[in-house]
Amino acid sequence: MSVGELLDEFFKERALGPASMEGRAVELWAEVVGEYVARCTEDVYIRGGVLYVSFSSSAVRAEIFMRRKQLAEQLNARIGAKTVRSIVVR
């Protein structure tokens, strides 16, 4: 089993609270968007189910803006709960 799979299993078994799931969403950001977008990400944080992300590249910012709904769904699927309600791109 990979470390990611072990962590996923750990979180599912523990049924951690909303704050822990939000932290997990921030941790999974780089994994979901890929290496290049992760390198262009300047800041990522979550408050009240809204994930805020800022970028150093305007091209990446535009791409993520168009894919924000899909990315929220991917993050929620990996967490196993509807933790990310929306993504705000800055």
PDB file of N, CA and C in Angstrom:
ATOM      1  N   MET A   1       0.831  -1.186   0.000  1.00  0.00           N
ATOM      2  CA  MET A   1       0.000   0.000   0.000  1.00  0.00           C
ATOM      3  C   MET A   1       0.874   1.247   0.000  1.00  0.00           C
ATOM      4  N   SER A   2       0.479   2.242  -0.773  1.00  0.00           N
ATOM      5  CA  SER A   2       1.246   3.480  -0.783  1.00  0.00           C
ATOM      6  C   SER A   2       0.893   4.319   0.441  1.00  0.00           C
ATOM      7  N   VAL A   3       1.705   5.323   0.717  1.00  0.00           N
ATOM      8  CA  VAL A   3       1.456   6.205   1.855  1.00  0.00           C
ATOM      9  C   VAL A   3       0.111   6.915   1.684  1.00  0.00           C
ATOM     10  N   GLY A   4      -0.199   7.348   0.458  1.00  0.00           N
ATOM     11  CA  GLY A   4      -1.475   8.014   0.202  1.00  0.00           C
ATOM     12  C   GLY A   4      -2.660   7.121   0.503  1.00  0.00           C
ATOM     13  N   GLU A   5      -2.556   5.861   0.097  1.00  0.00           N
ATOM     14  CA  GLU A   5      -3.638   4.907   0.362  1.00  0.00           C
ATOM     15  C   GLU A   5      -3.795   4.657   1.860  1.00  0.00           C
ATOM     16  N   LEU A   6      -2.664   4.556   2.563  1.00  0.00           N
ATOM     17  CA  LEU A   6      -2.716   4.365   4.010  1.00  0.00           C
ATOM     18  C   LEU A   6      -3.361   5.560   4.703  1.00  0.00           C
ATOM     19  N   LEU A   7      -3.013   6.767   4.251  1.00  0.00           N
ATOM     20  CA  LEU A   7      -3.613   7.967   4.844  1.00  0.00           C
ATOM     21  C   LEU A   7      -5.111   8.030   4.568  1.00  0.00           C
ATOM     22  N   ASP A   8      -5.506   7.713   3.343  1.00  0.00           N
ATOM     23  CA  ASP A   8      -6.929   7.703   3.009  1.00  0.00           C
ATOM     24  C   ASP A   8      -7.688   6.742   3.918  1.00  0.00           C
ATOM     25  N   GLU A   9      -7.131   5.567   4.092  1.00  0.00           N
ATOM     26  CA  GLU A   9      -7.771   4.564   4.947  1.00  0.00           C
ATOM     27  C   GLU A   9      -7.842   5.048   6.395  1.00  0.00           C
ATOM     28  N   PHE A  10      -6.763   5.658   6.848  1.00  0.00           N
ATOM     29  CA  PHE A  10      -6.722   6.189   8.211  1.00  0.00           C
ATOM     30  C   PHE A  10      -7.822   7.216   8.441  1.00  0.00           C
ATOM     31  N   PHE A  11      -7.956   8.176   7.521  1.00  0.00           N
ATOM     32  CA  PHE A  11      -8.963   9.222   7.670  1.00  0.00           C
ATOM     33  C   PHE A  11     -10.377   8.661   7.597  1.00  0.00           C
ATOM     34  N   LYS A  12     -10.610   7.708   6.726  1.00  0.00           N
ATOM     35  CA  LYS A  12     -11.943   7.110   6.615  1.00  0.00           C
ATOM     36  C   LYS A  12     -12.305   6.341   7.879  1.00  0.00           C
ATOM     37  N   GLU A  13     -11.345   5.615   8.431  1.00  0.00           N
ATOM     38  CA  GLU A  13     -11.605   4.831   9.637  1.00  0.00           C
ATOM     39  C   GLU A  13     -11.854   5.720  10.845  1.00  0.00           C
ATOM     40  N   ARG A  14     -11.186   6.831  10.920  1.00  0.00           N
ATOM     41  CA  ARG A  14     -11.289   7.710  12.078  1.00  0.00           C
ATOM     42  C   ARG A  14     -12.483   8.657  11.991  1.00  0.00           C
ATOM     43  N   ALA A  15     -13.057   8.823  10.800  1.00  0.00           N
ATOM     44  CA  ALA A  15     -14.191   9.739  10.575  1.00  0.00           C
ATOM     45  C   ALA A  15     -13.906  11.077  11.246  1.00  0.00           C
ATOM     46  N   LEU A  16     -12.803  11.670  10.843  1.00  0.00           N
ATOM     47  CA  LEU A  16     -12.372  12.926  11.450  1.00  0.00           C
ATOM     48  C   LEU A  16     -13.352  14.049  11.180  1.00  0.00           C
ATOM     49  N   GLY A  17     -13.343  15.053  12.040  1.00  0.00           N
ATOM     50  CA  GLY A  17     -14.266  16.171  11.948  1.00  0.00           C
ATOM     51  C   GLY A  17     -14.004  17.071  10.764  1.00  0.00           C
ATOM     52  N   PRO A  18     -14.884  18.039  10.565  1.00  0.00           N
ATOM     53  CA  PRO A  18     -14.791  18.942   9.411  1.00  0.00           C
ATOM     54  C   PRO A  18     -13.471  19.699   9.318  1.00  0.00           C
ATOM     55  N   ALA A  19     -12.924  20.130  10.440  1.00  0.00           N
ATOM     56  CA  ALA A  19     -11.666  20.880  10.398  1.00  0.00           C
ATOM     57  C   ALA A  19     -10.528  20.010   9.857  1.00  0.00           C
ATOM     58  N   SER A  20     -10.496  18.753  10.254  1.00  0.00           N
ATOM     59  CA  SER A  20      -9.464  17.848   9.759  1.00  0.00           C
ATOM     60  C   SER A  20      -9.653  17.554   8.276  1.00  0.00           C
ATOM     61  N   MET A  21     -10.903  17.439   7.856  1.00  0.00           N
ATOM     62  CA  MET A  21     -11.169  17.189   6.438  1.00  0.00           C
ATOM     63  C   MET A  21     -10.784  18.394   5.594  1.00  0.00           C
ATOM     64  N   GLU A  22     -10.996  19.597   6.117  1.00  0.00           N
ATOM     65  CA  GLU A  22     -10.586  20.790   5.380  1.00  0.00           C
ATOM     66  C   GLU A  22      -9.068  20.820   5.240  1.00  0.00           C
ATOM     67  N   GLY A  23      -8.359  20.467   6.299  1.00  0.00           N
ATOM     68  CA  GLY A  23      -6.898  20.398   6.230  1.00  0.00           C
ATOM     69  C   GLY A  23      -6.447  19.374   5.207  1.00  0.00           C
ATOM     70  N   ARG A  24      -7.170  18.293   5.120  1.00  0.00           N
ATOM     71  CA  ARG A  24      -6.860  17.248   4.130  1.00  0.00           C
ATOM     72  C   ARG A  24      -7.037  17.777   2.716  1.00  0.00           C
ATOM     73  N   ALA A  25      -8.038  18.631   2.487  1.00  0.00           N
ATOM     74  CA  ALA A  25      -8.262  19.214   1.166  1.00  0.00           C
ATOM     75  C   ALA A  25      -7.059  20.048   0.738  1.00  0.00           C
ATOM     76  N   VAL A  26      -6.504  20.819   1.659  1.00  0.00           N
ATOM     77  CA  VAL A  26      -5.324  21.637   1.354  1.00  0.00           C
ATOM     78  C   VAL A  26      -4.135  20.737   1.042  1.00  0.00           C
ATOM     79  N   GLU A  27      -3.975  19.667   1.804  1.00  0.00           N
ATOM     80  CA  GLU A  27      -2.875  18.731   1.569  1.00  0.00           C
ATOM     81  C   GLU A  27      -2.993  18.045   0.206  1.00  0.00           C
ATOM     82  N   LEU A  28      -4.204  17.754  -0.212  1.00  0.00           N
ATOM     83  CA  LEU A  28      -4.427  17.036  -1.475  1.00  0.00           C
ATOM     84  C   LEU A  28      -4.350  17.941  -2.702  1.00  0.00           C
ATOM     85  N   TRP A  29      -4.329  19.239  -2.516  1.00  0.00           N
ATOM     86  CA  TRP A  29      -4.348  20.173  -3.648  1.00  0.00           C
ATOM     87  C   TRP A  29      -3.283  19.827  -4.680  1.00  0.00           C
ATOM     88  N   ALA A  30      -2.030  19.701  -4.264  1.00  0.00           N
ATOM     89  CA  ALA A  30      -0.928  19.440  -5.197  1.00  0.00           C
ATOM     90  C   ALA A  30      -1.115  18.113  -5.918  1.00  0.00           C
ATOM     91  N   GLU A  31      -1.616  17.126  -5.226  1.00  0.00           N
ATOM     92  CA  GLU A  31      -1.831  15.818  -5.829  1.00  0.00           C
ATOM     93  C   GLU A  31      -2.922  15.873  -6.908  1.00  0.00           C
ATOM     94  N   VAL A  32      -3.978  16.625  -6.658  1.00  0.00           N
ATOM     95  CA  VAL A  32      -5.106  16.705  -7.589  1.00  0.00           C
ATOM     96  C   VAL A  32      -4.760  17.533  -8.823  1.00  0.00           C
ATOM     97  N   VAL A  33      -4.059  18.655  -8.641  1.00  0.00           N
ATOM     98  CA  VAL A  33      -3.792  19.550  -9.782  1.00  0.00           C
ATOM     99  C   VAL A  33      -2.536  19.183 -10.561  1.00  0.00           C
ATOM    100  N   GLY A  34      -1.650  18.422  -9.984  1.00  0.00           N
ATOM    101  CA  GLY A  34      -0.424  18.039 -10.670  1.00  0.00           C
ATOM    102  C   GLY A  34       0.758  18.915 -10.302  1.00  0.00           C
ATOM    103  N   GLU A  35       1.923  18.449 -10.686  1.00  0.00           N
ATOM    104  CA  GLU A  35       3.180  19.082 -10.277  1.00  0.00           C
ATOM    105  C   GLU A  35       3.332  20.523 -10.787  1.00  0.00           C
ATOM    106  N   TYR A  36       3.052  20.759 -12.070  1.00  0.00           N
ATOM    107  CA  TYR A  36       3.262  22.099 -12.628  1.00  0.00           C
ATOM    108  C   TYR A  36       2.358  23.135 -11.963  1.00  0.00           C
ATOM    109  N   VAL A  37       1.076  22.826 -11.846  1.00  0.00           N
ATOM    110  CA  VAL A  37       0.141  23.772 -11.224  1.00  0.00           C
ATOM    111  C   VAL A  37       0.504  23.970  -9.755  1.00  0.00           C
ATOM    112  N   ALA A  38       0.921  22.913  -9.090  1.00  0.00           N
ATOM    113  CA  ALA A  38       1.325  23.019  -7.686  1.00  0.00           C
ATOM    114  C   ALA A  38       2.504  23.973  -7.532  1.00  0.00           C
ATOM    115  N   ARG A  39       3.451  23.928  -8.469  1.00  0.00           N
ATOM    116  CA  ARG A  39       4.592  24.846  -8.417  1.00  0.00           C
ATOM    117  C   ARG A  39       4.163  26.293  -8.638  1.00  0.00           C
ATOM    118  N   CYS A  40       3.115  26.509  -9.417  1.00  0.00           N
ATOM    119  CA  CYS A  40       2.613  27.863  -9.688  1.00  0.00           C
ATOM    120  C   CYS A  40       1.675  28.361  -8.586  1.00  0.00           C
ATOM    121  N   THR A  41       1.291  27.481  -7.674  1.00  0.00           N
ATOM    122  CA  THR A  41       0.392  27.864  -6.587  1.00  0.00           C
ATOM    123  C   THR A  41       1.183  28.634  -5.537  1.00  0.00           C
ATOM    124  N   GLU A  42       0.738  29.858  -5.262  1.00  0.00           N
ATOM    125  CA  GLU A  42       1.411  30.679  -4.260  1.00  0.00           C
ATOM    126  C   GLU A  42       0.820  30.482  -2.870  1.00  0.00           C
ATOM    127  N   ASP A  43      -0.497  30.359  -2.803  1.00  0.00           N
ATOM    128  CA  ASP A  43      -1.155  30.216  -1.515  1.00  0.00           C
ATOM    129  C   ASP A  43      -2.419  29.390  -1.692  1.00  0.00           C
ATOM    130  N   VAL A  44      -2.692  28.528  -0.738  1.00  0.00           N
ATOM    131  CA  VAL A  44      -3.923  27.731  -0.755  1.00  0.00           C
ATOM    132  C   VAL A  44      -4.370  27.537   0.691  1.00  0.00           C
ATOM    133  N   TYR A  45      -5.613  27.913   0.967  1.00  0.00           N
ATOM    134  CA  TYR A  45      -6.185  27.716   2.290  1.00  0.00           C
ATOM    135  C   TYR A  45      -7.697  27.566   2.163  1.00  0.00           C
ATOM    136  N   ILE A  46      -8.326  27.074   3.212  1.00  0.00           N
ATOM    137  CA  ILE A  46      -9.762  26.821   3.169  1.00  0.00           C
ATOM    138  C   ILE A  46     -10.417  27.401   4.414  1.00  0.00           C
ATOM    139  N   ARG A  47     -11.576  28.006   4.203  1.00  0.00           N
ATOM    140  CA  ARG A  47     -12.381  28.547   5.307  1.00  0.00           C
ATOM    141  C   ARG A  47     -13.848  28.285   5.005  1.00  0.00           C
ATOM    142  N   GLY A  48     -14.505  27.623   5.903  1.00  0.00           N
ATOM    143  CA  GLY A  48     -15.932  27.394   5.757  1.00  0.00           C
ATOM    144  C   GLY A  48     -16.324  26.660   4.496  1.00  0.00           C
ATOM    145  N   GLY A  49     -15.497  25.741   4.052  1.00  0.00           N
ATOM    146  CA  GLY A  49     -15.803  24.967   2.857  1.00  0.00           C
ATOM    147  C   GLY A  49     -15.433  25.641   1.553  1.00  0.00           C
ATOM    148  N   VAL A  50     -14.851  26.841   1.623  1.00  0.00           N
ATOM    149  CA  VAL A  50     -14.424  27.559   0.421  1.00  0.00           C
ATOM    150  C   VAL A  50     -12.899  27.506   0.359  1.00  0.00           C
ATOM    151  N   LEU A  51     -12.389  26.931  -0.722  1.00  0.00           N
ATOM    152  CA  LEU A  51     -10.946  26.807  -0.926  1.00  0.00           C
ATOM    153  C   LEU A  51     -10.460  28.023  -1.703  1.00  0.00           C
ATOM    154  N   TYR A  52      -9.530  28.781  -1.135  1.00  0.00           N
ATOM    155  CA  TYR A  52      -8.966  29.972  -1.762  1.00  0.00           C
ATOM    156  C   TYR A  52      -7.584  29.624  -2.295  1.00  0.00           C
ATOM    157  N   VAL A  53      -7.338  29.955  -3.563  1.00  0.00           N
ATOM    158  CA  VAL A  53      -6.063  29.611  -4.192  1.00  0.00           C
ATOM    159  C   VAL A  53      -5.564  30.804  -4.991  1.00  0.00           C
ATOM    160  N   SER A  54      -4.267  31.109  -4.877  1.00  0.00           N
ATOM    161  CA  SER A  54      -3.664  32.165  -5.698  1.00  0.00           C
ATOM    162  C   SER A  54      -2.467  31.589  -6.443  1.00  0.00           C
ATOM    163  N   PHE A  55      -2.170  32.193  -7.587  1.00  0.00           N
ATOM    164  CA  PHE A  55      -1.156  31.653  -8.491  1.00  0.00           C
ATOM    165  C   PHE A  55      -0.175  32.716  -8.949  1.00  0.00           C
ATOM    166  N   SER A  56       1.021  32.273  -9.331  1.00  0.00           N
ATOM    167  CA  SER A  56       2.035  33.168  -9.875  1.00  0.00           C
ATOM    168  C   SER A  56       1.904  33.318 -11.385  1.00  0.00           C
ATOM    169  N   SER A  57       1.113  32.473 -12.014  1.00  0.00           N
ATOM    170  CA  SER A  57       0.952  32.484 -13.471  1.00  0.00           C
ATOM    171  C   SER A  57      -0.499  32.801 -13.834  1.00  0.00           C
ATOM    172  N   SER A  58      -0.688  33.802 -14.679  1.00  0.00           N
ATOM    173  CA  SER A  58      -2.052  34.152 -15.092  1.00  0.00           C
ATOM    174  C   SER A  58      -2.661  33.066 -15.972  1.00  0.00           C
ATOM    175  N   ALA A  59      -1.849  32.368 -16.747  1.00  0.00           N
ATOM    176  CA  ALA A  59      -2.361  31.281 -17.590  1.00  0.00           C
ATOM    177  C   ALA A  59      -2.884  30.136 -16.723  1.00  0.00           C
ATOM    178  N   VAL A  60      -2.145  29.786 -15.689  1.00  0.00           N
ATOM    179  CA  VAL A  60      -2.581  28.727 -14.775  1.00  0.00           C
ATOM    180  C   VAL A  60      -3.832  29.185 -14.032  1.00  0.00           C
ATOM    181  N   ARG A  61      -3.849  30.450 -13.617  1.00  0.00           N
ATOM    182  CA  ARG A  61      -5.016  30.997 -12.926  1.00  0.00           C
ATOM    183  C   ARG A  61      -6.273  30.849 -13.785  1.00  0.00           C
ATOM    184  N   ALA A  62      -6.164  31.181 -15.059  1.00  0.00           N
ATOM    185  CA  ALA A  62      -7.305  31.080 -15.971  1.00  0.00           C
ATOM    186  C   ALA A  62      -7.747  29.630 -16.146  1.00  0.00           C
ATOM    187  N   GLU A  63      -6.800  28.717 -16.277  1.00  0.00           N
ATOM    188  CA  GLU A  63      -7.121  27.295 -16.440  1.00  0.00           C
ATOM    189  C   GLU A  63      -7.836  26.743 -15.205  1.00  0.00           C
ATOM    190  N   ILE A  64      -7.333  27.069 -14.028  1.00  0.00           N
ATOM    191  CA  ILE A  64      -7.940  26.585 -12.787  1.00  0.00           C
ATOM    192  C   ILE A  64      -9.320  27.213 -12.593  1.00  0.00           C
ATOM    193  N   PHE A  65      -9.464  28.470 -12.973  1.00  0.00           N
ATOM    194  CA  PHE A  65     -10.773  29.119 -12.867  1.00  0.00           C
ATOM    195  C   PHE A  65     -11.825  28.351 -13.668  1.00  0.00           C
ATOM    196  N   MET A  66     -11.445  27.902 -14.848  1.00  0.00           N
ATOM    197  CA  MET A  66     -12.391  27.162 -15.692  1.00  0.00           C
ATOM    198  C   MET A  66     -12.669  25.760 -15.150  1.00  0.00           C
ATOM    199  N   ARG A  67     -11.716  25.181 -14.430  1.00  0.00           N
ATOM    200  CA  ARG A  67     -11.848  23.803 -13.935  1.00  0.00           C
ATOM    201  C   ARG A  67     -12.209  23.709 -12.463  1.00  0.00           C
ATOM    202  N   ARG A  68     -12.541  24.832 -11.821  1.00  0.00           N
ATOM    203  CA  ARG A  68     -12.702  24.843 -10.367  1.00  0.00           C
ATOM    204  C   ARG A  68     -13.808  23.901  -9.861  1.00  0.00           C
ATOM    205  N   LYS A  69     -14.887  23.776 -10.580  1.00  0.00           N
ATOM    206  CA  LYS A  69     -15.968  22.879 -10.154  1.00  0.00           C
ATOM    207  C   LYS A  69     -15.498  21.418 -10.199  1.00  0.00           C
ATOM    208  N   GLN A  70     -14.834  21.057 -11.278  1.00  0.00           N
ATOM    209  CA  GLN A  70     -14.310  19.702 -11.447  1.00  0.00           C
ATOM    210  C   GLN A  70     -13.262  19.394 -10.362  1.00  0.00           C
ATOM    211  N   LEU A  71     -12.401  20.362 -10.065  1.00  0.00           N
ATOM    212  CA  LEU A  71     -11.373  20.151  -9.048  1.00  0.00           C
ATOM    213  C   LEU A  71     -11.979  19.977  -7.661  1.00  0.00           C
ATOM    214  N   ALA A  72     -13.029  20.733  -7.360  1.00  0.00           N
ATOM    215  CA  ALA A  72     -13.715  20.579  -6.068  1.00  0.00           C
ATOM    216  C   ALA A  72     -14.285  19.168  -5.953  1.00  0.00           C
ATOM    217  N   GLU A  73     -14.871  18.668  -7.031  1.00  0.00           N
ATOM    218  CA  GLU A  73     -15.417  17.312  -7.030  1.00  0.00           C
ATOM    219  C   GLU A  73     -14.321  16.273  -6.821  1.00  0.00           C
ATOM    220  N   GLN A  74     -13.169  16.471  -7.467  1.00  0.00           N
ATOM    221  CA  GLN A  74     -12.056  15.528  -7.313  1.00  0.00           C
ATOM    222  C   GLN A  74     -11.527  15.536  -5.879  1.00  0.00           C
ATOM    223  N   LEU A  75     -11.396  16.726  -5.295  1.00  0.00           N
ATOM    224  CA  LEU A  75     -10.935  16.819  -3.910  1.00  0.00           C
ATOM    225  C   LEU A  75     -11.916  16.112  -2.976  1.00  0.00           C
ATOM    226  N   ASN A  76     -13.196  16.375  -3.149  1.00  0.00           N
ATOM    227  CA  ASN A  76     -14.209  15.749  -2.299  1.00  0.00           C
ATOM    228  C   ASN A  76     -14.217  14.231  -2.451  1.00  0.00           C
ATOM    229  N   ALA A  77     -14.000  13.754  -3.665  1.00  0.00           N
ATOM    230  CA  ALA A  77     -13.958  12.308  -3.893  1.00  0.00           C
ATOM    231  C   ALA A  77     -12.790  11.677  -3.140  1.00  0.00           C
ATOM    232  N   ARG A  78     -11.662  12.341  -3.120  1.00  0.00           N
ATOM    233  CA  ARG A  78     -10.489  11.792  -2.422  1.00  0.00           C
ATOM    234  C   ARG A  78     -10.644  11.860  -0.913  1.00  0.00           C
ATOM    235  N   ILE A  79     -11.347  12.895  -0.437  1.00  0.00           N
ATOM    236  CA  ILE A  79     -11.578  13.032   1.001  1.00  0.00           C
ATOM    237  C   ILE A  79     -12.664  12.065   1.458  1.00  0.00           C
ATOM    238  N   GLY A  80     -13.631  11.843   0.583  1.00  0.00           N
ATOM    239  CA  GLY A  80     -14.736  10.967   0.926  1.00  0.00           C
ATOM    240  C   GLY A  80     -15.896  11.700   1.572  1.00  0.00           C
ATOM    241  N   ALA A  81     -15.921  13.021   1.421  1.00  0.00           N
ATOM    242  CA  ALA A  81     -16.997  13.840   1.988  1.00  0.00           C
ATOM    243  C   ALA A  81     -17.077  15.141   1.198  1.00  0.00           C
ATOM    244  N   LYS A  82     -18.221  15.811   1.263  1.00  0.00           N
ATOM    245  CA  LYS A  82     -18.389  17.087   0.564  1.00  0.00           C
ATOM    246  C   LYS A  82     -17.817  18.197   1.442  1.00  0.00           C
ATOM    247  N   THR A  83     -16.504  18.316   1.420  1.00  0.00           N
ATOM    248  CA  THR A  83     -15.790  19.272   2.250  1.00  0.00           C
ATOM    249  C   THR A  83     -15.586  20.601   1.517  1.00  0.00           C
ATOM    250  N   VAL A  84     -15.230  20.539   0.236  1.00  0.00           N
ATOM    251  CA  VAL A  84     -14.971  21.735  -0.556  1.00  0.00           C
ATOM    252  C   VAL A  84     -16.253  22.081  -1.319  1.00  0.00           C
ATOM    253  N   ARG A  85     -16.917  23.158  -0.909  1.00  0.00           N
ATOM    254  CA  ARG A  85     -18.141  23.581  -1.582  1.00  0.00           C
ATOM    255  C   ARG A  85     -17.842  24.379  -2.834  1.00  0.00           C
ATOM    256  N   SER A  86     -16.780  25.173  -2.801  1.00  0.00           N
ATOM    257  CA  SER A  86     -16.400  25.971  -3.971  1.00  0.00           C
ATOM    258  C   SER A  86     -14.934  26.327  -3.878  1.00  0.00           C
ATOM    259  N   ILE A  87     -14.396  26.786  -5.028  1.00  0.00           N
ATOM    260  CA  ILE A  87     -13.001  27.224  -5.101  1.00  0.00           C
ATOM    261  C   ILE A  87     -12.985  28.655  -5.608  1.00  0.00           C
ATOM    262  N   VAL A  88     -12.306  29.521  -4.879  1.00  0.00           N
ATOM    263  CA  VAL A  88     -12.135  30.920  -5.273  1.00  0.00           C
ATOM    264  C   VAL A  88     -10.703  31.084  -5.768  1.00  0.00           C
ATOM    265  N   VAL A  89     -10.574  31.533  -7.010  1.00  0.00           N
ATOM    266  CA  VAL A  89      -9.256  31.703  -7.631  1.00  0.00           C
ATOM    267  C   VAL A  89      -8.873  33.167  -7.543  1.00  0.00           C
ATOM    268  N   ARG A  90      -7.698  33.424  -7.023  1.00  0.00           N
ATOM    269  CA  ARG A  90      -7.227  34.797  -6.850  1.00  0.00           C
ATOM    270  C   ARG A  90      -5.967  35.040  -7.634  1.00  0.00           C
TER     271      ARG A  90
END
